[in-house]
Amino acid sequence: MTMATKEKETKFSKTEVPSQLAVPNDLNERKRQDVVAALNPLVADAFALYVKTKNFHWHMSGSYFRDYHLLCDEQATQIFAMVDVLAERARKLGGMTIRSIGQIHRLTHIEDDEETIDPREMIEKLLADNRGFAARLRAAHKVCDDANDVATASFLEVFIDETERRCWFLFELLAQR
């Protein structure tokens, strides 16, 4: 699959919101839809990154087992906490959010891995995925700025900081000094 194909597949379509789910808001309607369209791939990425991190937590082995196992668990818990905040914000803005595993699969940028990989490669993959996630959080922040959506931008700033911290910890595990 080419990158262009993946980018096309990750566009979140702006679906009609059933009247019973409509939420009033003082932000511009088109810009609210843009923010929702930026949030939903983040929901998918957070779900997928959570599962990947837990997978590595469960399948970690080797001399650093305890440290890596505990770090993956801590990071997975932090990532999972983002999911509800992101999805509920999409709803507060009057939009729809993720409704299925299939939708997560279509929207996520997080790739599946081989069934068995060594611990160092697990850490490398988590670092790369978290770096990409941070970049997508920043891109969504720009959409929020354009929409004057300070509430969403505010928690995205916190999530960017948390993601950068995860990157730092993962990077330090890989450092050869």
C-alpha atoms as a PDB file:
ATOM      1  CA  MET A   1       0.000   0.000   0.000  1.00  0.00           C
ATOM      2  CA  THR A   2       1.412   3.384  -0.932  1.00  0.00           C
ATOM      3  CA  MET A   3       1.523   6.293   1.487  1.00  0.00           C
ATOM      4  CA  ALA A   4      -0.953   8.206  -0.685  1.00  0.00           C
ATOM      5  CA  THR A   5      -3.372   5.298  -0.441  1.00  0.00           C
ATOM      6  CA  LYS A   6      -2.998   5.165   3.346  1.00  0.00           C
ATOM      7  CA  GLU A   7      -3.532   8.925   3.610  1.00  0.00           C
ATOM      8  CA  LYS A   8      -6.677   8.676   1.500  1.00  0.00           C
ATOM      9  CA  GLU A   9      -8.034   5.874   3.666  1.00  0.00           C
ATOM     10  CA  THR A  10      -7.419   7.774   6.892  1.00  0.00           C
ATOM     11  CA  LYS A  11      -9.546  10.773   5.939  1.00  0.00           C
ATOM     12  CA  PHE A  12     -12.516  10.796   8.299  1.00  0.00           C
ATOM     13  CA  SER A  13     -15.616  11.546   6.320  1.00  0.00           C
ATOM     14  CA  LYS A  14     -17.875  14.254   7.627  1.00  0.00           C
ATOM     15  CA  THR A  15     -21.018  12.286   8.309  1.00  0.00           C
ATOM     16  CA  GLU A  16     -24.430  13.667   8.964  1.00  0.00           C
ATOM     17  CA  VAL A  17     -25.162  13.758  12.671  1.00  0.00           C
ATOM     18  CA  PRO A  18     -28.630  12.444  13.563  1.00  0.00           C
ATOM     19  CA  SER A  19     -30.760  15.220  15.049  1.00  0.00           C
ATOM     20  CA  GLN A  20     -31.003  13.445  18.418  1.00  0.00           C
ATOM     21  CA  LEU A  21     -27.180  13.559  18.665  1.00  0.00           C
ATOM     22  CA  ALA A  22     -26.727  17.168  17.534  1.00  0.00           C
ATOM     23  CA  VAL A  23     -24.956  19.340  20.099  1.00  0.00           C
ATOM     24  CA  PRO A  24     -25.161  23.143  20.001  1.00  0.00           C
ATOM     25  CA  ASN A  25     -21.897  25.047  20.111  1.00  0.00           C
ATOM     26  CA  ASP A  26     -20.827  28.634  19.429  1.00  0.00           C
ATOM     27  CA  LEU A  27     -17.929  27.661  17.143  1.00  0.00           C
ATOM     28  CA  ASN A  28     -18.290  27.887  13.367  1.00  0.00           C
ATOM     29  CA  GLU A  29     -20.027  24.723  12.082  1.00  0.00           C
ATOM     30  CA  ARG A  30     -17.572  24.003   9.256  1.00  0.00           C
ATOM     31  CA  LYS A  31     -14.591  24.521  11.554  1.00  0.00           C
ATOM     32  CA  ARG A  32     -16.143  22.270  14.202  1.00  0.00           C
ATOM     33  CA  GLN A  33     -16.464  19.558  11.547  1.00  0.00           C
ATOM     34  CA  ASP A  34     -12.808  20.096  10.666  1.00  0.00           C
ATOM     35  CA  VAL A  35     -11.817  19.601  14.310  1.00  0.00           C
ATOM     36  CA  VAL A  36     -13.941  16.445  14.571  1.00  0.00           C
ATOM     37  CA  ALA A  37     -12.326  15.154  11.359  1.00  0.00           C
ATOM     38  CA  ALA A  38      -8.910  15.787  12.952  1.00  0.00           C
ATOM     39  CA  LEU A  39      -9.873  14.127  16.254  1.00  0.00           C
ATOM     40  CA  ASN A  40     -11.251  10.830  14.983  1.00  0.00           C
ATOM     41  CA  PRO A  41      -7.992   9.537  13.467  1.00  0.00           C
ATOM     42  CA  LEU A  42      -6.386  10.398  16.821  1.00  0.00           C
ATOM     43  CA  VAL A  43      -9.000   8.259  18.582  1.00  0.00           C
ATOM     44  CA  ALA A  44      -8.150   5.411  16.191  1.00  0.00           C
ATOM     45  CA  ASP A  45      -4.413   5.935  16.678  1.00  0.00           C
ATOM     46  CA  ALA A  46      -4.765   5.988  20.463  1.00  0.00           C
ATOM     47  CA  PHE A  47      -6.761   2.725  20.417  1.00  0.00           C
ATOM     48  CA  ALA A  48      -4.254   1.047  18.090  1.00  0.00           C
ATOM     49  CA  LEU A  49      -1.213   2.354  19.981  1.00  0.00           C
ATOM     50  CA  TYR A  50      -2.776   1.178  23.252  1.00  0.00           C
ATOM     51  CA  VAL A  51      -3.267  -2.348  21.888  1.00  0.00           C
ATOM     52  CA  LYS A  52       0.237  -2.420  20.407  1.00  0.00           C
ATOM     53  CA  THR A  53       1.793  -1.224  23.671  1.00  0.00           C
ATOM     54  CA  LYS A  54      -0.188  -3.798  25.682  1.00  0.00           C
ATOM     55  CA  ASN A  55       0.813  -6.490  23.181  1.00  0.00           C
ATOM     56  CA  PHE A  56       4.473  -5.653  23.764  1.00  0.00           C
ATOM     57  CA  HIS A  57       3.818  -5.543  27.531  1.00  0.00           C
ATOM     58  CA  TRP A  58       2.353  -9.064  27.394  1.00  0.00           C
ATOM     59  CA  HIS A  59       5.029 -10.501  25.094  1.00  0.00           C
ATOM     60  CA  MET A  60       8.133  -8.856  26.516  1.00  0.00           C
ATOM     61  CA  SER A  61      11.022 -11.163  27.422  1.00  0.00           C
ATOM     62  CA  GLY A  62      14.710 -11.049  28.186  1.00  0.00           C
ATOM     63  CA  SER A  63      17.084  -9.524  30.689  1.00  0.00           C
ATOM     64  CA  TYR A  64      15.178  -6.233  30.964  1.00  0.00           C
ATOM     65  CA  PHE A  65      11.793  -7.937  31.195  1.00  0.00           C
ATOM     66  CA  ARG A  66      10.607  -6.337  34.421  1.00  0.00           C
ATOM     67  CA  ASP A  67      11.566  -2.761  33.502  1.00  0.00           C
ATOM     68  CA  TYR A  68      10.240  -2.942  29.933  1.00  0.00           C
ATOM     69  CA  HIS A  69       7.112  -4.834  31.019  1.00  0.00           C
ATOM     70  CA  LEU A  70       6.261  -2.193  33.627  1.00  0.00           C
ATOM     71  CA  LEU A  71       7.090   0.721  31.314  1.00  0.00           C
ATOM     72  CA  CYS A  72       4.842  -0.646  28.560  1.00  0.00           C
ATOM     73  CA  ASP A  73       2.020  -1.102  31.054  1.00  0.00           C
ATOM     74  CA  GLU A  74       2.426   2.456  32.359  1.00  0.00           C
ATOM     75  CA  GLN A  75       2.502   3.886  28.842  1.00  0.00           C
ATOM     76  CA  ALA A  76      -0.495   1.819  27.698  1.00  0.00           C
ATOM     77  CA  THR A  77      -2.543   3.099  30.638  1.00  0.00           C
ATOM     78  CA  GLN A  78      -1.642   6.686  29.742  1.00  0.00           C
ATOM     79  CA  ILE A  79      -2.532   6.171  26.076  1.00  0.00           C
ATOM     80  CA  PHE A  80      -5.858   4.504  26.887  1.00  0.00           C
ATOM     81  CA  ALA A  81      -6.836   7.496  29.045  1.00  0.00           C
ATOM     82  CA  MET A  82      -6.660   9.688  25.928  1.00  0.00           C
ATOM     83  CA  VAL A  83      -9.283   7.700  24.032  1.00  0.00           C
ATOM     84  CA  ASP A  84     -12.336   8.811  25.995  1.00  0.00           C
ATOM     85  CA  VAL A  85     -11.220  12.449  26.143  1.00  0.00           C
ATOM     86  CA  LEU A  86     -10.687  12.593  22.370  1.00  0.00           C
ATOM     87  CA  ALA A  87     -13.922  10.775  21.501  1.00  0.00           C
ATOM     88  CA  GLU A  88     -16.063  12.763  23.928  1.00  0.00           C
ATOM     89  CA  ARG A  89     -14.643  16.015  22.594  1.00  0.00           C
ATOM     90  CA  ALA A  90     -15.740  15.011  19.089  1.00  0.00           C
ATOM     91  CA  ARG A  91     -19.240  14.490  20.487  1.00  0.00           C
ATOM     92  CA  LYS A  92     -19.194  17.777  22.451  1.00  0.00           C
ATOM     93  CA  LEU A  93     -18.441  19.505  19.167  1.00  0.00           C
ATOM     94  CA  GLY A  94     -21.572  17.955  17.692  1.00  0.00           C
ATOM     95  CA  GLY A  95     -19.808  15.313  15.634  1.00  0.00           C
ATOM     96  CA  MET A  96     -19.746  11.557  15.506  1.00  0.00           C
ATOM     97  CA  THR A  97     -16.823   9.445  16.624  1.00  0.00           C
ATOM     98  CA  ILE A  98     -15.433   5.937  16.232  1.00  0.00           C
ATOM     99  CA  ARG A  99     -18.090   3.229  16.162  1.00  0.00           C
ATOM    100  CA  SER A 100     -16.212   0.024  15.297  1.00  0.00           C
ATOM    101  CA  ILE A 101     -12.943  -1.860  15.169  1.00  0.00           C
ATOM    102  CA  GLY A 102     -13.168  -1.693  11.370  1.00  0.00           C
ATOM    103  CA  GLN A 103     -13.329   2.077  11.517  1.00  0.00           C
ATOM    104  CA  ILE A 104     -10.296   2.137  13.814  1.00  0.00           C
ATOM    105  CA  HIS A 105      -8.454  -0.042  11.296  1.00  0.00           C
ATOM    106  CA  ARG A 106      -9.345   2.297   8.428  1.00  0.00           C
ATOM    107  CA  LEU A 107      -8.351   5.473  10.289  1.00  0.00           C
ATOM    108  CA  THR A 108      -5.223   4.498  12.207  1.00  0.00           C
ATOM    109  CA  HIS A 109      -1.663   5.244  11.162  1.00  0.00           C
ATOM    110  CA  ILE A 110      -0.323   2.622  13.593  1.00  0.00           C
ATOM    111  CA  GLU A 111       0.939  -0.466  11.749  1.00  0.00           C
ATOM    112  CA  ASP A 112       0.654  -4.066  12.899  1.00  0.00           C
ATOM    113  CA  ASP A 113       3.879  -5.909  13.663  1.00  0.00           C
ATOM    114  CA  GLU A 114       5.228  -9.384  13.110  1.00  0.00           C
ATOM    115  CA  GLU A 115       3.942 -11.953  15.555  1.00  0.00           C
ATOM    116  CA  THR A 116       7.302 -12.216  17.322  1.00  0.00           C
ATOM    117  CA  ILE A 117       9.861  -9.428  17.586  1.00  0.00           C
ATOM    118  CA  ASP A 118      12.727  -8.908  19.993  1.00  0.00           C
ATOM    119  CA  PRO A 119      12.472  -6.454  22.914  1.00  0.00           C
ATOM    120  CA  ARG A 120      14.777  -3.826  21.386  1.00  0.00           C
ATOM    121  CA  GLU A 121      12.723  -3.783  18.185  1.00  0.00           C
ATOM    122  CA  MET A 122       9.546  -3.438  20.282  1.00  0.00           C
ATOM    123  CA  ILE A 123      10.977  -0.314  21.905  1.00  0.00           C
ATOM    124  CA  GLU A 124      12.112   1.058  18.516  1.00  0.00           C
ATOM    125  CA  LYS A 125       8.635   0.539  17.054  1.00  0.00           C
ATOM    126  CA  LEU A 126       6.928   2.161  20.040  1.00  0.00           C
ATOM    127  CA  LEU A 127       9.283   5.131  19.771  1.00  0.00           C
ATOM    128  CA  ALA A 128       8.526   5.563  16.058  1.00  0.00           C
ATOM    129  CA  ASP A 129       4.773   5.198  16.618  1.00  0.00           C
ATOM    130  CA  ASN A 130       4.768   7.693  19.483  1.00  0.00           C
ATOM    131  CA  ARG A 131       6.783  10.193  17.430  1.00  0.00           C
ATOM    132  CA  GLY A 132       4.278   9.901  14.594  1.00  0.00           C
ATOM    133  CA  PHE A 133       1.405  10.248  17.040  1.00  0.00           C
ATOM    134  CA  ALA A 134       2.960  13.436  18.454  1.00  0.00           C
ATOM    135  CA  ALA A 135       3.193  14.881  14.938  1.00  0.00           C
ATOM    136  CA  ARG A 136      -0.477  14.092  14.280  1.00  0.00           C
ATOM    137  CA  LEU A 137      -1.459  15.636  17.624  1.00  0.00           C
ATOM    138  CA  ARG A 138       0.370  18.815  16.577  1.00  0.00           C
ATOM    139  CA  ALA A 139      -1.386  18.830  13.194  1.00  0.00           C
ATOM    140  CA  ALA A 140      -4.756  18.517  14.947  1.00  0.00           C
ATOM    141  CA  HIS A 141      -3.742  21.357  17.265  1.00  0.00           C
ATOM    142  CA  LYS A 142      -3.292  23.604  14.214  1.00  0.00           C
ATOM    143  CA  VAL A 143      -6.822  22.737  13.072  1.00  0.00           C
ATOM    144  CA  CYS A 144      -8.087  23.685  16.552  1.00  0.00           C
ATOM    145  CA  ASP A 145      -6.210  26.986  16.444  1.00  0.00           C
ATOM    146  CA  ASP A 146      -7.803  27.786  13.081  1.00  0.00           C
ATOM    147  CA  ALA A 147     -11.234  27.003  14.548  1.00  0.00           C
ATOM    148  CA  ASN A 148     -10.554  29.051  17.698  1.00  0.00           C
ATOM    149  CA  ASP A 149     -11.250  25.857  19.652  1.00  0.00           C
ATOM    150  CA  VAL A 150      -9.159  26.542  22.736  1.00  0.00           C
ATOM    151  CA  ALA A 151     -10.702  23.701  24.753  1.00  0.00           C
ATOM    152  CA  THR A 152      -9.566  20.995  22.343  1.00  0.00           C
ATOM    153  CA  ALA A 153      -6.214  22.711  21.747  1.00  0.00           C
ATOM    154  CA  SER A 154      -5.642  22.813  25.505  1.00  0.00           C
ATOM    155  CA  PHE A 155      -5.903  19.081  26.126  1.00  0.00           C
ATOM    156  CA  LEU A 156      -4.019  18.322  22.904  1.00  0.00           C
ATOM    157  CA  GLU A 157      -1.115  20.307  24.381  1.00  0.00           C
ATOM    158  CA  VAL A 158      -1.164  18.046  27.427  1.00  0.00           C
ATOM    159  CA  PHE A 159      -1.319  14.943  25.206  1.00  0.00           C
ATOM    160  CA  ILE A 160       1.609  16.228  23.127  1.00  0.00           C
ATOM    161  CA  ASP A 161       3.652  16.676  26.306  1.00  0.00           C
ATOM    162  CA  GLU A 162       2.717  13.188  27.555  1.00  0.00           C
ATOM    163  CA  THR A 163       3.595  11.678  24.175  1.00  0.00           C
ATOM    164  CA  GLU A 164       6.938  13.496  24.104  1.00  0.00           C
ATOM    165  CA  ARG A 165       7.661  12.106  27.573  1.00  0.00           C
ATOM    166  CA  ARG A 166       6.921   8.577  26.352  1.00  0.00           C
ATOM    167  CA  CYS A 167       9.282   9.204  23.422  1.00  0.00           C
ATOM    168  CA  TRP A 168      11.984  10.424  25.776  1.00  0.00           C
ATOM    169  CA  PHE A 169      11.743   7.316  27.977  1.00  0.00           C
ATOM    170  CA  LEU A 170      11.768   4.991  24.956  1.00  0.00           C
ATOM    171  CA  PHE A 171      14.692   6.873  23.400  1.00  0.00           C
ATOM    172  CA  GLU A 172      16.715   6.581  26.607  1.00  0.00           C
ATOM    173  CA  LEU A 173      16.155   2.820  26.660  1.00  0.00           C
ATOM    174  CA  LEU A 174      17.751   2.628  23.210  1.00  0.00           C
ATOM    175  CA  ALA A 175      20.666   4.998  23.922  1.00  0.00           C
ATOM    176  CA  GLN A 176      24.078   3.372  23.504  1.00  0.00           C
ATOM    177  CA  ARG A 177      26.349   5.333  25.826  1.00  0.00           C
END
